[in-house]
Amino acid sequence: MEEQLIQELEMNSSIPDTGIFAKERGWDHTVLVDSVLKSLIGREIVEAKPISHEIYIVTKEGQEYAQQGSPEWRTFQATSPQGTPIQEIQSKLGIVGKLGVQQCLKRGWLKLEDKKLFPQVTQVVDDTAEKLQSLTLNPQGANLSLQDIKQLQSRKLVQSKTMKTFCIQKGRRFSQYREQVATDLSKEMIESGSWRNASFKEYNFEASGKPLTGGFLHPLMKVREQIRYIFLGMGFEEMPTNQYVESSFWNFDALFQPQQHPARDAHDTFFLSDPMFSKPCEDREYVERVCKVHQQGDYGSLGYRYPWSETESLKNILRTHTTAISTKMLYRLATEEQHFVPKKYFSIDRVFRNETLDATHLAEFHQIEGLIADRNLTIGDLKGVIHYFFAQLGMSQLKFKPTYNPYTEPSMEIFAFHQGLGKWVEVGNSGVFRPEMLLPMKLPEDVTVIAWGLSLERPTMILYGVRNIRELFGHKVDLEAIQNYPLCRLGID
């Protein structure tokens, strides 16, 4: 294509219309423009001026009429100059006959005879058929008037489309077409000195660069980062949460959660088959204290009064909550420090539950957790910290409801008033860690640990107006929506 185009310009100095040029040679005009013309324009071999043409494309319905005839054309054929009953036309052509009669009467091609019992129509002119046929069989023909075209457009039988072709003339580098144009200055050209006589392609510094398709932050990560800043601003230290597989000991037993608790059933927890068991805790005295508080009770507690099994505690699971990490951090705080030092910890990471999937539940989700370990803390301190924390999220109206948790006492569910929904919604859970969990670690008796937690998905769904959690997290996420979601900005309400 390129060679023939150049030859044509060498003979005639211009090509008036690329559309005609391509049609004469049986070429696809789009291929000619995209594969040849754009390259020649970029190299300044040719110059091109766009030409706009209005063409008419036959619609699917128009193509059907062109093959079978339009309703009025078929109706007109079914009539006679002497008159034809309308009932007979509709019986023969069905809905096509009904529409055809209406169109023919509207245009005055048929005349209605006033007969009450059996109304009929008669032909007004004999040359109508030829005109009707041309309207459908040749919508782009030169014999159609503008009025005829508008008539076909109003009936959606044809659509107008603007086609762009080009008038081509020689460019300022046309004479260099046969020469080899260099695009880069190479090491070899510099060493040989051939760059002095070489022709280089000019750089267009005003051209737009190719758009970069970089990554986009997921809404969960946007909200996670904002909440992380809130914790850090409150002086909290982030816990290491990169271990998804935990032993049942740290996930359940160390938290004073009994081994027969429903949460430890395979219907609620994912158990690993390989490796099935973890290594025993090296601190055997701590394990014995945990065993005793479960079996017999201790530290003023009656315990659960059942035979505790260390084998059961060694089963590997996908952690069901990030509180498993909190337990380890509190154990290290009790054993690695010579003197107790108050701490504030937080974590935001993934947990796993064997849930039935629906619009609000997934088998894996993200948990946000914060805890404070200090001397003589009370439930008042817990409520005060929670009020301050949720105020940073824009939730200043809070309510608390007593509830039960295996490892906290007292425990409270947290509710916030949602302005958009106009109602109170549960946003988290909280409580004071039980002595049966803390004292076996050898934390001082006057040390209290207060904690609260919430999911990351729920506030994200509220902030971004997502109704189905599967549209936010998982394989059904719309990647285009991820690119277009706005930034997350949390602030005091």
Protein backbone atom coordinates (compact mmCIF):
# COMPACT_ATOMS: atom_id res chain seq x y z
CA MET A 1 0.00 0.00 0.00
CA GLU A 2 2.75 2.41 0.97
CA GLU A 3 4.69 1.87 -2.25
CA GLN A 4 1.66 2.42 -4.49
CA LEU A 5 0.66 5.53 -2.54
CA ILE A 6 4.15 7.01 -2.98
CA GLN A 7 4.13 6.18 -6.71
CA GLU A 8 0.77 7.95 -7.10
CA LEU A 9 2.15 11.08 -5.40
CA GLU A 10 5.28 11.01 -7.58
CA MET A 11 3.08 11.01 -10.71
CA ASN A 12 0.26 13.38 -9.64
CA SER A 13 1.72 15.23 -6.59
CA SER A 14 -1.55 14.70 -4.65
CA ILE A 15 -4.33 12.21 -3.90
CA PRO A 16 -7.63 14.13 -3.62
CA ASP A 17 -9.50 11.49 -1.59
CA THR A 18 -8.09 8.39 0.14
CA GLY A 19 -11.57 6.87 0.22
CA ILE A 20 -11.80 6.78 -3.58
CA PHE A 21 -8.11 5.80 -3.84
CA ALA A 22 -8.66 2.77 -1.56
CA LYS A 23 -11.94 1.76 -3.22
CA GLU A 24 -10.37 1.73 -6.71
CA ARG A 25 -7.73 -0.73 -5.51
CA GLY A 26 -10.01 -2.86 -3.34
CA TRP A 27 -8.30 -1.87 -0.10
CA ASP A 28 -9.75 -1.46 3.37
CA HIS A 29 -9.67 2.29 4.00
CA THR A 30 -9.17 1.82 7.77
CA VAL A 31 -6.08 -0.35 7.16
CA LEU A 32 -4.70 2.20 4.71
CA VAL A 33 -5.05 5.02 7.28
CA ASP A 34 -3.89 3.16 10.40
CA SER A 35 -1.07 1.07 8.93
CA VAL A 36 0.32 3.35 6.20
CA LEU A 37 -0.87 6.94 6.27
CA LYS A 38 -0.20 7.63 9.96
CA SER A 39 3.35 6.34 9.61
CA LEU A 40 4.03 8.52 6.56
CA ILE A 41 2.57 11.58 8.31
CA GLY A 42 4.76 10.92 11.38
CA ARG A 43 7.84 10.79 9.18
CA GLU A 44 6.71 13.99 7.38
CA ILE A 45 6.75 12.14 4.06
CA VAL A 46 3.19 13.29 3.34
CA GLU A 47 0.71 15.86 4.63
CA ALA A 48 -2.97 15.08 5.02
CA LYS A 49 -6.10 17.22 5.30
CA PRO A 50 -9.22 15.51 6.65
CA ILE A 51 -12.40 15.39 4.57
CA SER A 52 -15.75 14.59 6.21
CA HIS A 53 -18.44 12.65 4.34
CA GLU A 54 -21.95 11.94 5.57
CA ILE A 55 -23.00 8.43 4.63
CA TYR A 56 -26.09 6.43 5.44
CA ILE A 57 -25.99 2.94 6.93
CA VAL A 58 -28.96 0.61 6.57
CA THR A 59 -30.17 -0.65 9.98
CA LYS A 60 -31.09 -4.26 10.71
CA GLU A 61 -34.75 -3.45 10.24
CA GLY A 62 -33.96 -1.62 7.00
CA GLN A 63 -32.04 -4.63 5.70
CA GLU A 64 -35.05 -6.81 6.46
CA TYR A 65 -37.30 -4.41 4.54
CA ALA A 66 -34.81 -4.33 1.65
CA GLN A 67 -35.00 -8.11 1.34
CA GLN A 68 -38.73 -8.64 1.92
CA GLY A 69 -40.11 -5.21 1.12
CA SER A 70 -41.36 -2.52 3.49
CA PRO A 71 -44.82 -2.88 5.10
CA GLU A 72 -46.29 -0.26 2.72
CA TRP A 73 -44.59 -1.87 -0.30
CA ARG A 74 -45.98 -5.30 0.59
CA THR A 75 -49.38 -3.80 1.41
CA PHE A 76 -49.46 -1.88 -1.86
CA GLN A 77 -48.74 -5.10 -3.75
CA ALA A 78 -51.63 -6.77 -1.97
CA THR A 79 -54.13 -4.11 -3.14
CA SER A 80 -55.78 -3.46 -6.50
CA PRO A 81 -57.09 -0.31 -8.24
CA GLN A 82 -60.63 -1.70 -7.90
CA GLY A 83 -60.35 -1.87 -4.10
CA THR A 84 -59.29 -4.41 -1.47
CA PRO A 85 -60.93 -5.00 1.95
CA ILE A 86 -58.65 -4.03 4.84
CA GLN A 87 -59.64 -7.21 6.67
CA GLU A 88 -58.33 -9.25 3.75
CA ILE A 89 -54.98 -7.40 3.80
CA GLN A 90 -54.54 -7.88 7.55
CA SER A 91 -55.55 -11.53 7.32
CA LYS A 92 -52.89 -12.07 4.62
CA LEU A 93 -50.03 -9.95 6.06
CA GLY A 94 -50.83 -9.82 9.77
CA ILE A 95 -49.26 -6.93 11.73
CA VAL A 96 -47.28 -5.94 8.62
CA GLY A 97 -50.55 -5.31 6.79
CA LYS A 98 -51.91 -3.17 9.62
CA LEU A 99 -48.77 -1.00 9.68
CA GLY A 100 -48.63 -0.88 5.87
CA VAL A 101 -52.22 0.36 5.55
CA GLN A 102 -51.52 3.15 8.09
CA GLN A 103 -48.37 4.27 6.24
CA CYS A 104 -50.01 4.18 2.79
CA LEU A 105 -53.05 6.17 3.99
CA LYS A 106 -50.79 8.68 5.74
CA ARG A 107 -48.82 9.34 2.55
CA GLY A 108 -51.88 9.34 0.28
CA TRP A 109 -50.82 6.27 -1.70
CA LEU A 110 -54.08 4.47 -0.84
CA LYS A 111 -57.59 5.82 -0.38
CA LEU A 112 -60.06 4.51 2.20
CA GLU A 113 -63.53 3.69 0.87
CA ASP A 114 -66.21 4.48 3.44
CA LYS A 115 -67.98 1.16 3.83
CA LYS A 116 -69.11 0.48 7.38
CA LEU A 117 -69.23 -3.30 7.32
CA PHE A 118 -66.17 -4.06 5.20
CA PRO A 119 -63.92 -0.97 4.78
CA GLN A 120 -61.56 -1.23 1.84
CA VAL A 121 -58.72 0.72 0.24
CA THR A 122 -57.96 1.51 -3.38
CA GLN A 123 -54.72 2.58 -5.08
CA VAL A 124 -54.41 6.26 -5.83
CA VAL A 125 -51.42 6.18 -8.27
CA ASP A 126 -49.76 3.39 -10.22
CA ASP A 127 -46.09 4.49 -9.91
CA THR A 128 -46.00 4.36 -6.12
CA ALA A 129 -44.57 0.84 -6.07
CA GLU A 130 -41.42 1.90 -7.91
CA LYS A 131 -40.82 4.74 -5.47
CA LEU A 132 -41.41 2.54 -2.42
CA GLN A 133 -38.99 -0.06 -3.71
CA SER A 134 -36.24 2.51 -4.23
CA LEU A 135 -36.67 3.82 -0.68
CA THR A 136 -35.77 0.45 0.84
CA LEU A 137 -33.58 -1.23 -1.75
CA ASN A 138 -31.25 1.72 -2.39
CA PRO A 139 -31.10 4.01 0.67
CA GLN A 140 -27.71 5.45 -0.42
CA GLY A 141 -28.71 5.89 -4.06
CA ALA A 142 -28.43 9.23 -5.82
CA ASN A 143 -32.09 9.06 -6.86
CA LEU A 144 -33.29 9.66 -3.28
CA SER A 145 -34.14 13.19 -2.24
CA LEU A 146 -33.26 14.66 1.15
CA GLN A 147 -36.91 14.32 2.12
CA ASP A 148 -36.82 10.61 1.30
CA ILE A 149 -33.68 10.13 3.40
CA LYS A 150 -35.24 11.98 6.37
CA GLN A 151 -38.30 9.78 5.98
CA LEU A 152 -36.16 6.65 6.27
CA GLN A 153 -34.27 8.09 9.25
CA SER A 154 -37.49 8.92 11.09
CA ARG A 155 -38.50 5.28 10.72
CA LYS A 156 -35.02 4.16 11.88
CA LEU A 157 -34.39 2.30 8.64
CA VAL A 158 -31.14 4.17 8.00
CA GLN A 159 -28.62 5.94 10.25
CA SER A 160 -26.28 8.74 9.29
CA LYS A 161 -22.58 8.33 9.95
CA THR A 162 -19.67 10.67 9.39
CA MET A 163 -16.83 9.06 7.45
CA LYS A 164 -13.42 10.73 7.44
CA THR A 165 -11.10 10.46 4.46
CA PHE A 166 -8.00 12.49 3.60
CA CYS A 167 -6.57 14.63 0.85
CA ILE A 168 -2.85 13.76 0.65
CA GLN A 169 0.01 15.92 -0.59
CA LYS A 170 3.78 15.60 -0.51
CA GLY A 171 5.42 16.44 2.81
CA ARG A 172 8.66 18.33 3.38
CA ARG A 173 10.63 15.08 3.68
CA PHE A 174 9.04 13.42 0.65
CA SER A 175 12.32 13.50 -1.25
CA GLN A 176 14.00 11.56 1.60
CA TYR A 177 11.49 8.70 1.43
CA ARG A 178 13.98 6.39 -0.21
CA GLU A 179 16.63 7.24 2.36
CA GLN A 180 17.07 5.33 5.62
CA VAL A 181 15.97 7.61 8.47
CA ALA A 182 17.61 6.97 11.85
CA THR A 183 15.49 7.18 14.99
CA ASP A 184 18.32 6.93 17.55
CA LEU A 185 21.93 8.06 17.82
CA SER A 186 23.83 4.82 18.40
CA LYS A 187 27.30 4.12 19.78
CA GLU A 188 28.39 2.72 16.41
CA MET A 189 27.31 5.92 14.59
CA ILE A 190 29.38 8.04 16.97
CA GLU A 191 32.47 5.83 16.69
CA SER A 192 32.33 5.68 12.86
CA GLY A 193 31.28 9.31 12.39
CA SER A 194 28.38 8.25 10.13
CA TRP A 195 26.02 10.42 12.20
CA ARG A 196 27.36 13.50 10.35
CA ASN A 197 25.67 12.46 7.08
CA ALA A 198 22.71 10.57 8.56
CA SER A 199 19.10 11.74 8.38
CA PHE A 200 17.37 11.66 11.77
CA LYS A 201 13.69 11.55 12.56
CA GLU A 202 12.73 14.75 14.35
CA TYR A 203 11.40 14.60 17.90
CA ASN A 204 7.99 16.08 18.58
CA PHE A 205 8.35 17.45 22.08
CA GLU A 206 4.73 18.66 22.11
CA ALA A 207 3.29 15.17 21.53
CA SER A 208 1.48 13.57 24.44
CA GLY A 209 3.21 10.58 25.97
CA LYS A 210 1.62 7.18 26.22
CA PRO A 211 -0.67 7.00 29.29
CA LEU A 212 0.87 5.02 32.12
CA THR A 213 -1.27 2.16 33.39
CA GLY A 214 -0.03 1.99 36.95
CA GLY A 215 -1.64 0.24 39.89
CA PHE A 216 -4.61 1.60 41.81
CA LEU A 217 -5.28 1.34 45.53
CA HIS A 218 -8.17 -0.91 46.51
CA PRO A 219 -10.88 0.82 48.63
CA LEU A 220 -10.09 -1.56 51.51
CA MET A 221 -6.46 -0.46 51.39
CA LYS A 222 -7.48 3.21 51.28
CA VAL A 223 -9.63 2.87 54.40
CA ARG A 224 -7.01 0.62 56.06
CA GLU A 225 -4.34 3.28 55.61
CA GLN A 226 -6.57 6.00 57.07
CA ILE A 227 -7.41 3.86 60.11
CA ARG A 228 -3.73 3.01 60.50
CA TYR A 229 -2.93 6.75 60.65
CA ILE A 230 -5.59 7.17 63.37
CA PHE A 231 -3.99 4.45 65.52
CA LEU A 232 -0.49 5.83 64.99
CA GLY A 233 -1.75 9.33 65.84
CA MET A 234 -3.11 7.94 69.12
CA GLY A 235 0.32 6.52 69.99
CA PHE A 236 -0.36 2.86 69.19
CA GLU A 237 2.27 0.38 68.02
CA GLU A 238 1.45 -1.92 65.08
CA MET A 239 1.65 -5.67 65.77
CA PRO A 240 3.28 -8.10 63.28
CA THR A 241 0.37 -9.93 61.60
CA ASN A 242 2.05 -11.75 58.69
CA GLN A 243 1.40 -15.23 60.08
CA TYR A 244 -1.95 -16.51 58.78
CA VAL A 245 -1.53 -20.05 60.17
CA GLU A 246 -1.77 -20.31 63.96
CA SER A 247 -1.93 -23.13 66.47
CA SER A 248 -5.19 -23.62 68.30
CA PHE A 249 -3.23 -22.92 71.51
CA TRP A 250 -2.58 -19.25 70.70
CA ASN A 251 -5.85 -18.77 68.79
CA PHE A 252 -8.14 -20.34 71.43
CA ASP A 253 -6.59 -21.94 74.55
CA ALA A 254 -4.40 -19.03 75.65
CA LEU A 255 -7.49 -16.81 75.37
CA PHE A 256 -9.36 -19.04 77.87
CA GLN A 257 -11.70 -20.30 75.16
CA PRO A 258 -12.79 -23.90 75.96
CA GLN A 259 -11.95 -26.72 73.58
CA GLN A 260 -15.60 -27.72 73.19
CA HIS A 261 -16.61 -24.19 72.17
CA PRO A 262 -18.66 -24.09 68.89
CA ALA A 263 -16.12 -21.70 67.31
CA ARG A 264 -13.58 -24.57 67.33
CA ASP A 265 -15.78 -26.76 65.16
CA ALA A 266 -14.84 -27.49 61.53
CA HIS A 267 -18.04 -25.72 60.47
CA ASP A 268 -16.63 -22.45 61.83
CA THR A 269 -12.86 -22.84 61.53
CA PHE A 270 -10.50 -23.94 58.74
CA PHE A 271 -8.18 -26.72 60.00
CA LEU A 272 -4.96 -27.62 58.17
CA SER A 273 -4.26 -31.20 57.13
CA ASP A 274 -0.56 -30.72 56.30
CA PRO A 275 1.03 -29.96 58.66
CA MET A 276 -1.81 -30.94 60.98
CA PHE A 277 -0.01 -30.06 64.22
CA SER A 278 2.35 -27.31 65.36
CA LYS A 279 5.30 -27.56 67.72
CA PRO A 280 4.46 -27.40 71.45
CA CYS A 281 5.08 -24.14 73.29
CA GLU A 282 8.59 -24.16 74.79
CA ASP A 283 7.39 -22.54 78.02
CA ARG A 284 6.03 -25.70 79.65
CA GLU A 285 5.18 -23.92 82.89
CA TYR A 286 2.92 -21.51 80.98
CA VAL A 287 1.23 -24.45 79.22
CA GLU A 288 0.62 -26.11 82.59
CA ARG A 289 -0.94 -22.92 83.97
CA VAL A 290 -3.22 -22.66 80.93
CA CYS A 291 -4.18 -26.33 81.36
CA LYS A 292 -4.93 -25.84 85.07
CA VAL A 293 -7.12 -22.76 84.58
CA HIS A 294 -9.16 -24.69 81.98
CA GLN A 295 -9.45 -27.96 83.92
CA GLN A 296 -9.59 -26.95 87.60
CA GLY A 297 -9.77 -23.18 87.60
CA ASP A 298 -7.32 -20.80 89.27
CA TYR A 299 -6.81 -17.14 90.24
CA GLY A 300 -10.27 -17.14 91.82
CA SER A 301 -11.94 -18.79 88.81
CA LEU A 302 -13.69 -22.18 88.74
CA GLY A 303 -12.48 -22.88 85.21
CA TYR A 304 -14.47 -24.99 82.75
CA ARG A 305 -14.03 -28.36 84.57
CA TYR A 306 -13.19 -30.58 81.57
CA PRO A 307 -10.12 -32.68 80.63
CA TRP A 308 -7.94 -30.28 78.64
CA SER A 309 -6.06 -31.89 75.71
CA GLU A 310 -2.69 -30.54 74.59
CA THR A 311 -3.05 -32.49 71.31
CA GLU A 312 -6.20 -30.50 70.56
CA SER A 313 -4.34 -27.26 71.29
CA LEU A 314 -1.61 -28.13 68.77
CA LYS A 315 -3.95 -28.36 65.76
CA ASN A 316 -3.02 -25.88 63.03
CA ILE A 317 -5.75 -23.54 61.77
CA LEU A 318 -6.18 -20.44 59.66
CA ARG A 319 -6.46 -17.81 62.37
CA THR A 320 -10.05 -16.85 63.13
CA HIS A 321 -9.12 -13.46 64.63
CA THR A 322 -6.08 -11.23 65.03
CA THR A 323 -6.51 -11.57 68.82
CA ALA A 324 -4.22 -14.59 68.43
CA ILE A 325 -1.42 -12.10 67.75
CA SER A 326 -2.56 -9.94 70.66
CA THR A 327 -2.19 -12.96 72.97
CA LYS A 328 1.41 -13.53 71.82
CA MET A 329 2.26 -9.84 72.25
CA LEU A 330 0.87 -9.80 75.80
CA TYR A 331 2.79 -13.01 76.64
CA ARG A 332 6.04 -11.42 75.39
CA LEU A 333 5.24 -8.27 77.37
CA ALA A 334 4.92 -10.42 80.51
CA THR A 335 7.99 -12.60 79.97
CA GLU A 336 10.56 -10.51 78.08
CA GLU A 337 10.35 -7.29 80.09
CA GLN A 338 11.96 -7.18 83.57
CA HIS A 339 9.45 -4.57 84.66
CA PHE A 340 6.00 -4.07 83.23
CA VAL A 341 5.78 -1.26 80.66
CA PRO A 342 2.32 -0.02 79.55
CA LYS A 343 1.67 -0.71 75.87
CA LYS A 344 -0.83 0.24 73.17
CA TYR A 345 -1.04 -2.20 70.25
CA PHE A 346 -3.11 -2.35 67.06
CA SER A 347 -3.42 -4.60 64.01
CA ILE A 348 -5.35 -4.57 60.71
CA ASP A 349 -5.09 -7.80 58.77
CA ARG A 350 -6.86 -10.81 57.29
CA VAL A 351 -8.70 -13.50 59.25
CA PHE A 352 -10.58 -16.62 58.14
CA ARG A 353 -13.96 -18.09 59.11
CA ASN A 354 -15.80 -21.03 57.57
CA GLU A 355 -18.82 -18.83 56.80
CA THR A 356 -21.64 -19.31 54.30
CA LEU A 357 -21.02 -16.73 51.58
CA ASP A 358 -23.70 -14.10 51.05
CA ALA A 359 -24.02 -10.35 50.44
CA THR A 360 -22.55 -9.48 53.88
CA HIS A 361 -20.31 -12.47 54.74
CA LEU A 362 -17.11 -13.89 53.27
CA ALA A 363 -14.87 -16.77 54.32
CA GLU A 364 -11.99 -14.30 54.69
CA PHE A 365 -12.11 -10.68 55.75
CA HIS A 366 -10.06 -8.05 57.56
CA GLN A 367 -10.20 -7.37 61.29
CA ILE A 368 -9.21 -4.13 63.00
CA GLU A 369 -8.11 -4.53 66.60
CA GLY A 370 -6.77 -2.17 69.24
CA LEU A 371 -5.72 -2.90 72.83
CA ILE A 372 -4.20 -1.06 75.77
CA ALA A 373 -2.35 -2.76 78.64
CA ASP A 374 -1.89 -0.59 81.73
CA ARG A 375 -2.44 -0.59 85.47
CA ASN A 376 -5.90 -0.17 86.96
CA LEU A 377 -7.81 0.50 83.75
CA THR A 378 -11.60 0.43 83.97
CA ILE A 379 -14.52 0.00 81.61
CA GLY A 380 -14.82 3.79 81.70
CA ASP A 381 -11.35 4.04 80.14
CA LEU A 382 -12.46 1.54 77.48
CA LYS A 383 -15.58 3.56 76.58
CA GLY A 384 -13.58 6.80 76.50
CA VAL A 385 -10.93 5.41 74.13
CA ILE A 386 -13.63 3.89 71.89
CA HIS A 387 -15.49 7.22 71.72
CA TYR A 388 -12.27 9.01 70.71
CA PHE A 389 -11.33 6.35 68.14
CA PHE A 390 -14.71 6.25 66.41
CA ALA A 391 -14.93 10.05 66.42
CA GLN A 392 -11.85 10.01 64.17
CA LEU A 393 -13.86 7.79 61.80
CA GLY A 394 -16.70 10.34 61.74
CA MET A 395 -18.94 8.39 64.16
CA SER A 396 -19.64 10.51 67.24
CA GLN A 397 -23.00 9.01 68.28
CA LEU A 398 -22.27 5.68 69.97
CA LYS A 399 -24.22 3.21 72.09
CA PHE A 400 -22.99 0.17 74.03
CA LYS A 401 -24.82 -3.10 74.65
CA PRO A 402 -23.67 -5.82 77.09
CA THR A 403 -22.73 -9.10 75.40
CA TYR A 404 -20.73 -12.29 76.01
CA ASN A 405 -17.21 -13.08 74.78
CA PRO A 406 -15.21 -16.11 76.03
CA TYR A 407 -12.08 -14.08 76.80
CA THR A 408 -13.43 -10.67 77.89
CA GLU A 409 -15.55 -9.73 80.90
CA PRO A 410 -17.30 -7.33 80.87
CA SER A 411 -17.96 -7.26 77.09
CA MET A 412 -19.83 -4.68 74.98
CA GLU A 413 -21.15 -4.48 71.43
CA ILE A 414 -20.64 -1.05 69.87
CA PHE A 415 -23.42 0.64 67.86
CA ALA A 416 -23.15 3.89 65.89
CA PHE A 417 -25.91 6.01 64.38
CA HIS A 418 -25.60 6.00 60.59
CA GLN A 419 -26.79 9.32 59.14
CA GLY A 420 -27.25 7.92 55.63
CA LEU A 421 -29.30 4.90 56.72
CA GLY A 422 -31.06 6.81 59.48
CA LYS A 423 -30.62 4.01 62.03
CA TRP A 424 -28.23 2.48 64.58
CA VAL A 425 -25.84 -0.15 63.14
CA GLU A 426 -23.41 -2.47 64.92
CA VAL A 427 -19.84 -1.38 64.20
CA GLY A 428 -17.69 -3.41 66.59
CA ASN A 429 -17.12 -5.41 69.75
CA SER A 430 -15.11 -4.67 72.87
CA GLY A 431 -14.27 -5.80 76.38
CA VAL A 432 -11.77 -6.23 79.23
CA PHE A 433 -9.54 -9.31 78.94
CA ARG A 434 -10.31 -11.90 81.63
CA PRO A 435 -7.85 -12.61 84.49
CA GLU A 436 -7.93 -16.31 83.41
CA MET A 437 -6.20 -15.17 80.19
CA LEU A 438 -3.73 -12.60 81.63
CA LEU A 439 -2.59 -14.08 84.97
CA PRO A 440 -1.23 -17.38 83.55
CA MET A 441 1.12 -15.17 81.49
CA LYS A 442 2.44 -13.73 84.80
CA LEU A 443 1.32 -10.19 84.09
CA PRO A 444 1.00 -8.16 87.33
CA GLU A 445 -2.39 -8.56 89.03
CA ASP A 446 -3.15 -4.83 88.81
CA VAL A 447 -2.61 -4.77 85.01
CA THR A 448 -5.79 -4.53 82.97
CA VAL A 449 -6.05 -4.97 79.21
CA ILE A 450 -8.90 -3.27 77.37
CA ALA A 451 -9.55 -4.04 73.69
CA TRP A 452 -11.97 -3.45 70.86
CA GLY A 453 -12.32 -4.66 67.29
CA LEU A 454 -14.30 -4.21 64.09
CA SER A 455 -14.20 -5.41 60.52
CA LEU A 456 -12.56 -3.35 57.78
CA GLU A 457 -15.16 -4.32 55.17
CA ARG A 458 -18.22 -2.87 56.93
CA PRO A 459 -17.03 0.78 57.22
CA THR A 460 -15.61 0.54 53.69
CA MET A 461 -18.97 -0.63 52.32
CA ILE A 462 -20.70 2.26 54.10
CA LEU A 463 -18.17 4.85 52.93
CA TYR A 464 -18.24 3.71 49.26
CA GLY A 465 -21.92 2.76 49.03
CA VAL A 466 -21.24 -0.94 48.29
CA ARG A 467 -24.22 -3.18 49.07
CA ASN A 468 -22.73 -6.60 48.26
CA ILE A 469 -19.43 -7.47 49.95
CA ARG A 470 -18.53 -9.75 47.00
CA GLU A 471 -18.33 -6.62 44.81
CA LEU A 472 -15.72 -5.21 47.21
CA PHE A 473 -13.48 -8.18 47.95
CA GLY A 474 -12.87 -11.28 45.82
CA HIS A 475 -12.84 -12.37 42.19
CA LYS A 476 -16.05 -10.49 41.29
CA VAL A 477 -14.54 -7.04 41.92
CA ASP A 478 -14.95 -4.62 39.01
CA LEU A 479 -11.39 -3.50 38.18
CA GLU A 480 -12.65 -0.37 36.41
CA ALA A 481 -14.53 0.60 39.58
CA ILE A 482 -11.29 0.16 41.57
CA GLN A 483 -9.63 2.73 39.29
CA ASN A 484 -12.51 5.22 39.61
CA TYR A 485 -13.25 5.02 43.37
CA PRO A 486 -12.49 8.35 45.10
CA LEU A 487 -9.86 8.86 47.80
CA CYS A 488 -10.75 8.02 51.38
CA ARG A 489 -10.79 10.89 53.86
CA LEU A 490 -11.82 10.13 57.43
CA GLY A 491 -12.31 12.93 59.90
CA ILE A 492 -14.04 14.01 63.08
CA ASP A 493 -17.81 14.21 62.61
